[in-house]
N, C-alpha and C. Protein backbone atom coordinates (compact mmCIF):
# COMPACT_ATOMS: atom_id res chain seq x y z
N MET A 1 -2.15 -17.12 14.57
CA MET A 1 -3.06 -16.44 13.69
C MET A 1 -4.04 -15.56 14.47
N ARG A 2 -4.61 -16.13 15.53
CA ARG A 2 -5.60 -15.39 16.33
C ARG A 2 -4.95 -14.15 16.97
N LYS A 3 -3.71 -14.28 17.40
CA LYS A 3 -3.03 -13.15 18.03
C LYS A 3 -2.80 -12.03 17.02
N ALA A 4 -2.48 -12.38 15.79
CA ALA A 4 -2.28 -11.37 14.74
C ALA A 4 -3.61 -10.68 14.41
N LEU A 5 -4.70 -11.43 14.36
CA LEU A 5 -6.01 -10.82 14.12
C LEU A 5 -6.41 -9.90 15.27
N CYS A 6 -6.13 -10.29 16.50
CA CYS A 6 -6.44 -9.44 17.65
C CYS A 6 -5.57 -8.19 17.67
N THR A 7 -4.34 -8.29 17.21
CA THR A 7 -3.47 -7.13 17.12
C THR A 7 -4.04 -6.11 16.13
N LEU A 8 -4.68 -6.61 15.08
CA LEU A 8 -5.33 -5.74 14.10
C LEU A 8 -6.72 -5.30 14.55
N ARG A 9 -7.15 -5.67 15.74
CA ARG A 9 -8.46 -5.38 16.31
C ARG A 9 -9.60 -6.05 15.56
N LEU A 10 -9.34 -7.21 14.98
CA LEU A 10 -10.36 -7.99 14.31
C LEU A 10 -10.70 -9.18 15.21
N HIS A 11 -11.79 -9.04 15.95
CA HIS A 11 -12.14 -10.06 16.93
C HIS A 11 -13.26 -10.98 16.47
N GLY A 12 -13.95 -10.65 15.41
CA GLY A 12 -15.07 -11.46 14.94
C GLY A 12 -15.13 -11.52 13.43
N ILE A 13 -16.07 -12.30 12.94
CA ILE A 13 -16.27 -12.45 11.51
C ILE A 13 -16.97 -11.21 10.98
N ASP A 14 -16.65 -10.81 9.77
CA ASP A 14 -17.25 -9.67 9.08
C ASP A 14 -17.08 -8.37 9.85
N GLU A 15 -15.90 -8.11 10.36
CA GLU A 15 -15.58 -6.84 10.98
C GLU A 15 -14.59 -6.11 10.09
N GLY A 16 -14.60 -4.79 10.19
CA GLY A 16 -13.70 -3.99 9.38
C GLY A 16 -13.01 -2.92 10.21
N ILE A 17 -11.80 -2.59 9.83
CA ILE A 17 -11.02 -1.55 10.48
C ILE A 17 -10.24 -0.78 9.42
N PHE A 18 -9.64 0.31 9.83
CA PHE A 18 -8.73 1.06 8.97
C PHE A 18 -7.31 0.85 9.47
N VAL A 19 -6.43 0.44 8.55
CA VAL A 19 -5.03 0.19 8.88
C VAL A 19 -4.18 0.85 7.82
N GLN A 20 -3.15 1.55 8.26
CA GLN A 20 -2.21 2.14 7.31
C GLN A 20 -1.24 1.06 6.85
N TYR A 21 -0.92 1.07 5.58
CA TYR A 21 -0.06 0.04 4.99
C TYR A 21 1.41 0.40 5.23
N THR A 22 1.88 0.11 6.45
CA THR A 22 3.27 0.35 6.80
C THR A 22 4.02 -0.98 6.81
N GLU A 23 5.29 -0.94 7.08
CA GLU A 23 6.10 -2.17 7.06
C GLU A 23 5.64 -3.17 8.11
N SER A 24 5.38 -2.72 9.33
CA SER A 24 4.95 -3.65 10.38
C SER A 24 3.54 -4.17 10.10
N ASN A 25 2.64 -3.30 9.62
CA ASN A 25 1.29 -3.75 9.30
C ASN A 25 1.26 -4.64 8.07
N ARG A 26 2.19 -4.41 7.15
CA ARG A 26 2.27 -5.25 5.95
C ARG A 26 2.57 -6.69 6.32
N LYS A 27 3.47 -6.87 7.28
CA LYS A 27 3.80 -8.22 7.72
C LYS A 27 2.59 -8.90 8.36
N LEU A 28 1.85 -8.15 9.19
CA LEU A 28 0.65 -8.70 9.81
C LEU A 28 -0.41 -9.05 8.77
N LEU A 29 -0.60 -8.16 7.79
CA LEU A 29 -1.62 -8.41 6.76
C LEU A 29 -1.27 -9.63 5.92
N HIS A 30 0.00 -9.80 5.59
CA HIS A 30 0.38 -10.96 4.80
C HIS A 30 0.28 -12.25 5.62
N LEU A 31 0.42 -12.14 6.92
CA LEU A 31 0.27 -13.31 7.78
C LEU A 31 -1.18 -13.78 7.84
N VAL A 32 -2.12 -12.84 7.90
CA VAL A 32 -3.53 -13.18 8.01
C VAL A 32 -4.26 -13.07 6.67
N GLU A 33 -3.52 -13.00 5.59
CA GLU A 33 -4.10 -12.78 4.26
C GLU A 33 -5.18 -13.78 3.86
N PRO A 34 -5.09 -15.07 4.18
CA PRO A 34 -6.17 -15.98 3.79
C PRO A 34 -7.49 -15.73 4.52
N PHE A 35 -7.49 -14.86 5.51
CA PHE A 35 -8.69 -14.64 6.30
C PHE A 35 -9.27 -13.23 6.16
N VAL A 36 -8.59 -12.34 5.45
CA VAL A 36 -9.03 -10.95 5.35
C VAL A 36 -9.03 -10.48 3.90
N ILE A 37 -9.80 -9.43 3.65
CA ILE A 37 -9.81 -8.73 2.37
C ILE A 37 -9.40 -7.29 2.67
N TYR A 38 -8.48 -6.74 1.89
CA TYR A 38 -8.06 -5.37 2.13
C TYR A 38 -7.76 -4.65 0.83
N GLY A 39 -7.80 -3.33 0.91
CA GLY A 39 -7.51 -2.49 -0.24
C GLY A 39 -7.76 -1.03 0.12
N PRO A 40 -7.37 -0.12 -0.75
CA PRO A 40 -7.57 1.31 -0.46
C PRO A 40 -9.00 1.74 -0.80
N PRO A 41 -9.78 2.18 0.18
CA PRO A 41 -11.17 2.57 -0.10
C PRO A 41 -11.26 3.99 -0.65
N ALA A 42 -12.34 4.26 -1.37
CA ALA A 42 -12.60 5.61 -1.88
C ALA A 42 -13.23 6.44 -0.78
N ALA A 43 -13.19 7.76 -0.93
CA ALA A 43 -13.75 8.66 0.08
C ALA A 43 -15.26 8.48 0.22
N SER A 44 -15.95 8.21 -0.87
CA SER A 44 -17.40 8.01 -0.79
C SER A 44 -17.74 6.75 -0.01
N THR A 45 -16.95 5.71 -0.15
CA THR A 45 -17.16 4.47 0.59
C THR A 45 -16.91 4.69 2.07
N VAL A 46 -15.86 5.40 2.41
CA VAL A 46 -15.55 5.68 3.82
C VAL A 46 -16.65 6.54 4.44
N SER A 47 -17.15 7.51 3.68
CA SER A 47 -18.22 8.37 4.18
C SER A 47 -19.49 7.56 4.45
N ASP A 48 -19.86 6.68 3.53
CA ASP A 48 -21.04 5.82 3.73
C ASP A 48 -20.85 4.90 4.92
N LEU A 49 -19.66 4.35 5.05
CA LEU A 49 -19.37 3.45 6.16
C LEU A 49 -19.48 4.15 7.51
N LEU A 50 -18.94 5.36 7.59
CA LEU A 50 -19.00 6.11 8.84
C LEU A 50 -20.42 6.56 9.17
N SER A 51 -21.18 6.94 8.16
CA SER A 51 -22.54 7.41 8.43
C SER A 51 -23.48 6.27 8.80
N ARG A 52 -23.28 5.10 8.23
CA ARG A 52 -24.19 3.97 8.50
C ARG A 52 -23.75 3.12 9.68
N ARG A 53 -22.46 2.83 9.78
CA ARG A 53 -21.98 1.89 10.80
C ARG A 53 -20.91 2.47 11.71
N GLY A 54 -20.74 3.79 11.72
CA GLY A 54 -19.65 4.41 12.44
C GLY A 54 -19.92 4.62 13.92
N PHE A 55 -18.98 4.17 14.74
CA PHE A 55 -19.00 4.39 16.18
C PHE A 55 -17.62 4.84 16.61
N GLY A 56 -17.59 5.74 17.57
CA GLY A 56 -16.32 6.21 18.10
C GLY A 56 -16.08 5.66 19.49
N ARG A 57 -14.83 5.77 19.94
CA ARG A 57 -14.43 5.29 21.25
C ARG A 57 -14.15 6.50 22.13
N ILE A 58 -15.03 6.72 23.12
CA ILE A 58 -14.84 7.81 24.07
C ILE A 58 -14.87 7.21 25.47
N ASP A 59 -13.76 7.31 26.17
CA ASP A 59 -13.59 6.75 27.51
C ASP A 59 -13.92 5.27 27.54
N GLY A 60 -13.55 4.54 26.50
CA GLY A 60 -13.78 3.10 26.43
C GLY A 60 -15.20 2.70 26.12
N LYS A 61 -16.05 3.67 25.79
CA LYS A 61 -17.44 3.37 25.47
C LYS A 61 -17.69 3.57 23.98
N ARG A 62 -18.64 2.82 23.46
CA ARG A 62 -19.01 2.87 22.05
C ARG A 62 -20.08 3.93 21.84
N VAL A 63 -19.71 5.00 21.14
CA VAL A 63 -20.60 6.15 20.94
C VAL A 63 -20.86 6.31 19.44
N PRO A 64 -22.13 6.38 19.01
CA PRO A 64 -22.42 6.55 17.58
C PRO A 64 -21.96 7.91 17.07
N LEU A 65 -21.53 7.95 15.82
CA LEU A 65 -21.09 9.19 15.20
C LEU A 65 -22.32 9.91 14.62
N SER A 66 -23.21 10.32 15.49
CA SER A 66 -24.47 10.93 15.05
C SER A 66 -24.29 12.39 14.65
N ASP A 67 -23.33 13.08 15.24
CA ASP A 67 -23.09 14.48 14.87
C ASP A 67 -21.60 14.79 15.00
N ASN A 68 -21.23 15.98 14.58
CA ASN A 68 -19.82 16.38 14.57
C ASN A 68 -19.26 16.66 15.95
N ASN A 69 -20.12 16.87 16.93
CA ASN A 69 -19.65 17.16 18.29
C ASN A 69 -18.88 15.99 18.88
N VAL A 70 -19.25 14.78 18.53
CA VAL A 70 -18.56 13.59 19.03
C VAL A 70 -17.11 13.59 18.55
N VAL A 71 -16.91 13.88 17.27
CA VAL A 71 -15.56 13.90 16.70
C VAL A 71 -14.76 15.07 17.27
N GLU A 72 -15.40 16.22 17.39
CA GLU A 72 -14.70 17.41 17.90
C GLU A 72 -14.27 17.23 19.35
N ASP A 73 -15.13 16.65 20.18
CA ASP A 73 -14.78 16.44 21.58
C ASP A 73 -13.63 15.45 21.74
N ALA A 74 -13.61 14.41 20.91
CA ALA A 74 -12.60 13.37 21.06
C ALA A 74 -11.28 13.72 20.39
N LEU A 75 -11.33 14.31 19.19
CA LEU A 75 -10.11 14.52 18.39
C LEU A 75 -9.78 15.98 18.11
N GLY A 76 -10.64 16.91 18.51
CA GLY A 76 -10.46 18.32 18.15
C GLY A 76 -9.18 18.95 18.64
N GLU A 77 -8.87 18.79 19.91
CA GLU A 77 -7.70 19.45 20.48
C GLU A 77 -6.39 18.81 20.03
N SER A 78 -6.35 17.49 19.97
CA SER A 78 -5.08 16.82 19.69
C SER A 78 -4.73 16.79 18.20
N THR A 79 -5.73 16.62 17.33
CA THR A 79 -5.43 16.47 15.90
C THR A 79 -6.01 17.57 15.02
N GLY A 80 -6.95 18.33 15.53
CA GLY A 80 -7.56 19.38 14.73
C GLY A 80 -8.74 18.92 13.90
N MET A 81 -9.14 17.67 14.05
CA MET A 81 -10.31 17.16 13.32
C MET A 81 -11.57 17.56 14.07
N ILE A 82 -12.45 18.31 13.40
CA ILE A 82 -13.63 18.81 14.10
C ILE A 82 -14.94 18.27 13.54
N CYS A 83 -14.90 17.53 12.43
CA CYS A 83 -16.14 17.01 11.87
C CYS A 83 -15.88 15.66 11.21
N VAL A 84 -16.95 15.02 10.82
CA VAL A 84 -16.86 13.70 10.21
C VAL A 84 -16.14 13.78 8.86
N GLU A 85 -16.32 14.88 8.14
CA GLU A 85 -15.65 15.06 6.85
C GLU A 85 -14.13 15.11 7.01
N ASP A 86 -13.65 15.73 8.10
CA ASP A 86 -12.22 15.73 8.38
C ASP A 86 -11.72 14.32 8.67
N LEU A 87 -12.54 13.56 9.36
CA LEU A 87 -12.20 12.16 9.65
C LEU A 87 -12.12 11.35 8.36
N VAL A 88 -13.07 11.55 7.45
CA VAL A 88 -13.06 10.85 6.15
C VAL A 88 -11.82 11.24 5.36
N HIS A 89 -11.50 12.53 5.33
CA HIS A 89 -10.32 13.00 4.59
C HIS A 89 -9.04 12.38 5.16
N GLU A 90 -8.95 12.32 6.46
CA GLU A 90 -7.74 11.78 7.09
C GLU A 90 -7.60 10.29 6.81
N LEU A 91 -8.72 9.56 6.80
CA LEU A 91 -8.67 8.11 6.58
C LEU A 91 -8.38 7.76 5.13
N THR A 92 -8.68 8.66 4.19
CA THR A 92 -8.40 8.37 2.78
C THR A 92 -7.11 9.03 2.32
N ALA A 93 -7.03 10.34 2.38
CA ALA A 93 -5.85 11.07 1.88
C ALA A 93 -4.69 10.99 2.85
N GLY A 94 -4.97 10.96 4.15
CA GLY A 94 -3.91 10.89 5.15
C GLY A 94 -3.16 9.57 5.11
N ALA A 95 -3.84 8.50 4.75
CA ALA A 95 -3.18 7.20 4.66
C ALA A 95 -2.18 7.18 3.51
N GLU A 96 -2.51 7.87 2.42
CA GLU A 96 -1.61 7.91 1.27
C GLU A 96 -0.45 8.88 1.48
N ALA A 97 -0.71 9.97 2.20
CA ALA A 97 0.32 10.99 2.38
C ALA A 97 1.36 10.58 3.42
N GLY A 98 1.05 9.59 4.23
CA GLY A 98 2.01 9.13 5.22
C GLY A 98 1.98 9.89 6.52
N LYS A 99 0.88 10.55 6.84
CA LYS A 99 0.75 11.25 8.12
C LYS A 99 0.41 10.21 9.18
N ASP A 100 1.43 9.72 9.85
CA ASP A 100 1.25 8.60 10.77
C ASP A 100 0.41 8.95 11.98
N SER A 101 0.71 10.07 12.65
CA SER A 101 0.08 10.35 13.93
C SER A 101 -1.40 10.65 13.81
N GLN A 102 -1.80 11.45 12.82
CA GLN A 102 -3.22 11.79 12.68
C GLN A 102 -4.03 10.59 12.19
N PHE A 103 -3.48 9.81 11.26
CA PHE A 103 -4.19 8.62 10.80
C PHE A 103 -4.34 7.63 11.94
N ALA A 104 -3.29 7.44 12.71
CA ALA A 104 -3.34 6.50 13.83
C ALA A 104 -4.37 6.95 14.87
N ALA A 105 -4.43 8.25 15.14
CA ALA A 105 -5.41 8.75 16.10
C ALA A 105 -6.83 8.56 15.59
N ALA A 106 -7.04 8.80 14.29
CA ALA A 106 -8.37 8.63 13.71
C ALA A 106 -8.78 7.16 13.71
N ALA A 107 -7.87 6.27 13.35
CA ALA A 107 -8.18 4.83 13.31
C ALA A 107 -8.41 4.28 14.71
N LYS A 108 -7.64 4.77 15.67
CA LYS A 108 -7.81 4.30 17.05
C LYS A 108 -9.11 4.82 17.66
N PHE A 109 -9.55 6.00 17.26
CA PHE A 109 -10.80 6.57 17.75
C PHE A 109 -12.01 5.75 17.28
N LEU A 110 -11.92 5.21 16.06
CA LEU A 110 -13.06 4.46 15.51
C LEU A 110 -13.15 3.06 16.08
N TRP A 111 -14.36 2.65 16.39
CA TRP A 111 -14.63 1.28 16.81
C TRP A 111 -14.61 0.41 15.56
N SER A 112 -14.34 -0.88 15.69
CA SER A 112 -14.37 -1.74 14.51
C SER A 112 -15.79 -1.81 13.96
N PHE A 113 -15.88 -1.87 12.63
CA PHE A 113 -17.17 -1.84 11.95
C PHE A 113 -17.75 -3.24 11.87
N ARG A 114 -18.99 -3.39 12.26
CA ARG A 114 -19.69 -4.66 12.14
C ARG A 114 -20.45 -4.66 10.83
N LEU A 115 -20.06 -5.54 9.93
CA LEU A 115 -20.64 -5.58 8.59
C LEU A 115 -21.46 -6.85 8.40
N ALA A 116 -22.32 -6.84 7.40
CA ALA A 116 -23.14 -8.01 7.07
C ALA A 116 -22.32 -8.99 6.24
N GLY A 117 -22.64 -10.26 6.30
CA GLY A 117 -21.95 -11.27 5.51
C GLY A 117 -22.28 -11.11 4.04
N ARG A 118 -21.38 -11.51 3.18
CA ARG A 118 -21.58 -11.36 1.74
C ARG A 118 -22.40 -12.48 1.15
N ALA A 119 -22.39 -13.66 1.74
CA ALA A 119 -23.10 -14.80 1.16
C ALA A 119 -24.20 -15.27 2.10
N SER A 120 -25.29 -15.72 1.52
CA SER A 120 -26.37 -16.25 2.33
C SER A 120 -26.05 -17.69 2.73
N LYS A 121 -26.84 -18.25 3.63
CA LYS A 121 -26.60 -19.63 4.05
C LYS A 121 -26.77 -20.58 2.88
N PHE A 122 -27.71 -20.29 1.98
CA PHE A 122 -27.91 -21.12 0.79
C PHE A 122 -26.66 -21.14 -0.07
N GLN A 123 -26.07 -19.98 -0.29
CA GLN A 123 -24.87 -19.91 -1.11
C GLN A 123 -23.71 -20.65 -0.45
N LYS A 124 -23.60 -20.54 0.86
CA LYS A 124 -22.50 -21.22 1.55
C LYS A 124 -22.67 -22.73 1.54
N LYS A 125 -23.90 -23.19 1.74
CA LYS A 125 -24.13 -24.62 1.89
C LYS A 125 -24.30 -25.32 0.54
N LYS A 126 -25.15 -24.81 -0.31
CA LYS A 126 -25.50 -25.49 -1.56
C LYS A 126 -24.56 -25.17 -2.72
N LEU A 127 -24.12 -23.96 -2.80
CA LEU A 127 -23.31 -23.55 -3.94
C LEU A 127 -21.82 -23.63 -3.66
N ASN A 128 -21.45 -24.09 -2.47
CA ASN A 128 -20.05 -24.28 -2.11
C ASN A 128 -19.26 -22.99 -2.30
N PHE A 129 -19.73 -21.93 -1.66
CA PHE A 129 -19.16 -20.59 -1.81
C PHE A 129 -17.71 -20.52 -1.40
N LYS A 130 -17.28 -21.39 -0.51
CA LYS A 130 -15.91 -21.30 -0.01
C LYS A 130 -14.87 -21.54 -1.09
N ASP A 131 -15.23 -22.24 -2.17
CA ASP A 131 -14.27 -22.48 -3.24
C ASP A 131 -13.98 -21.21 -4.03
N GLY A 132 -14.93 -20.30 -4.11
CA GLY A 132 -14.74 -19.06 -4.85
C GLY A 132 -14.44 -17.88 -3.96
N LYS A 133 -13.91 -18.14 -2.79
CA LYS A 133 -13.68 -17.08 -1.81
C LYS A 133 -12.58 -16.14 -2.26
N MET A 134 -12.81 -14.84 -2.05
CA MET A 134 -11.79 -13.84 -2.34
C MET A 134 -11.07 -13.51 -1.05
N TYR A 135 -9.78 -13.27 -1.13
CA TYR A 135 -9.02 -12.86 0.04
C TYR A 135 -7.78 -12.12 -0.42
N GLY A 136 -7.17 -11.43 0.54
CA GLY A 136 -5.96 -10.68 0.27
C GLY A 136 -6.25 -9.30 -0.29
N ASP A 137 -5.28 -8.74 -0.99
CA ASP A 137 -5.39 -7.40 -1.55
C ASP A 137 -6.25 -7.46 -2.80
N VAL A 138 -7.39 -6.76 -2.76
CA VAL A 138 -8.31 -6.75 -3.90
C VAL A 138 -8.29 -5.41 -4.62
N GLY A 139 -7.48 -4.48 -4.18
CA GLY A 139 -7.34 -3.19 -4.84
C GLY A 139 -8.60 -2.35 -4.74
N ASP A 140 -9.02 -1.79 -5.88
CA ASP A 140 -10.18 -0.90 -5.89
C ASP A 140 -11.50 -1.65 -5.78
N GLU A 141 -11.49 -2.96 -5.91
CA GLU A 141 -12.72 -3.74 -5.75
C GLU A 141 -13.24 -3.70 -4.32
N ILE A 142 -12.43 -3.23 -3.39
CA ILE A 142 -12.85 -3.14 -1.99
C ILE A 142 -14.08 -2.25 -1.84
N ASN A 143 -14.23 -1.26 -2.71
CA ASN A 143 -15.38 -0.36 -2.63
C ASN A 143 -16.68 -1.10 -2.87
N GLY A 144 -16.73 -1.95 -3.89
CA GLY A 144 -17.92 -2.74 -4.16
C GLY A 144 -18.19 -3.76 -3.08
N ILE A 145 -17.14 -4.35 -2.54
CA ILE A 145 -17.30 -5.36 -1.49
C ILE A 145 -17.88 -4.73 -0.23
N VAL A 146 -17.36 -3.57 0.16
CA VAL A 146 -17.86 -2.89 1.36
C VAL A 146 -19.30 -2.44 1.15
N ARG A 147 -19.62 -1.94 -0.01
CA ARG A 147 -21.01 -1.53 -0.29
C ARG A 147 -21.97 -2.71 -0.22
N ASP A 148 -21.53 -3.89 -0.67
CA ASP A 148 -22.36 -5.10 -0.56
C ASP A 148 -22.59 -5.49 0.91
N MET A 149 -21.60 -5.23 1.74
CA MET A 149 -21.67 -5.65 3.14
C MET A 149 -22.37 -4.62 4.04
N LEU A 150 -22.66 -3.42 3.51
CA LEU A 150 -23.38 -2.43 4.29
C LEU A 150 -24.82 -2.84 4.33
């Protein structure tokens, strides 16, 4: 289980990544389904996520996505993405269209997102939150879940 989570670049609790729903990734997602929540995010959710918690990977270092120059320097020549809006478009529309190489480059460029937990300690301890836990494919509800965790 841990090896499958590491393959998906999920090393800690309440982390998020972008993964294209392909045959090989589908098998990994179904293997770790009791531990993850996934679904297709809306463009507005991806934009909020990138602006609030977005970091890029440049030479193995974690660099905040503070301006478009970071995206242009890292992805401009190879993929043609020159701004954060291009990155958002590729992560939402590119995943549906099946553009493997550009989506993979965009997802690999992004650092995993560190999100806040959904339940407080009181809810976990006193209200037995684990019994009502959501997991697996939640569809369009992923937008509300991610907004709660921002």
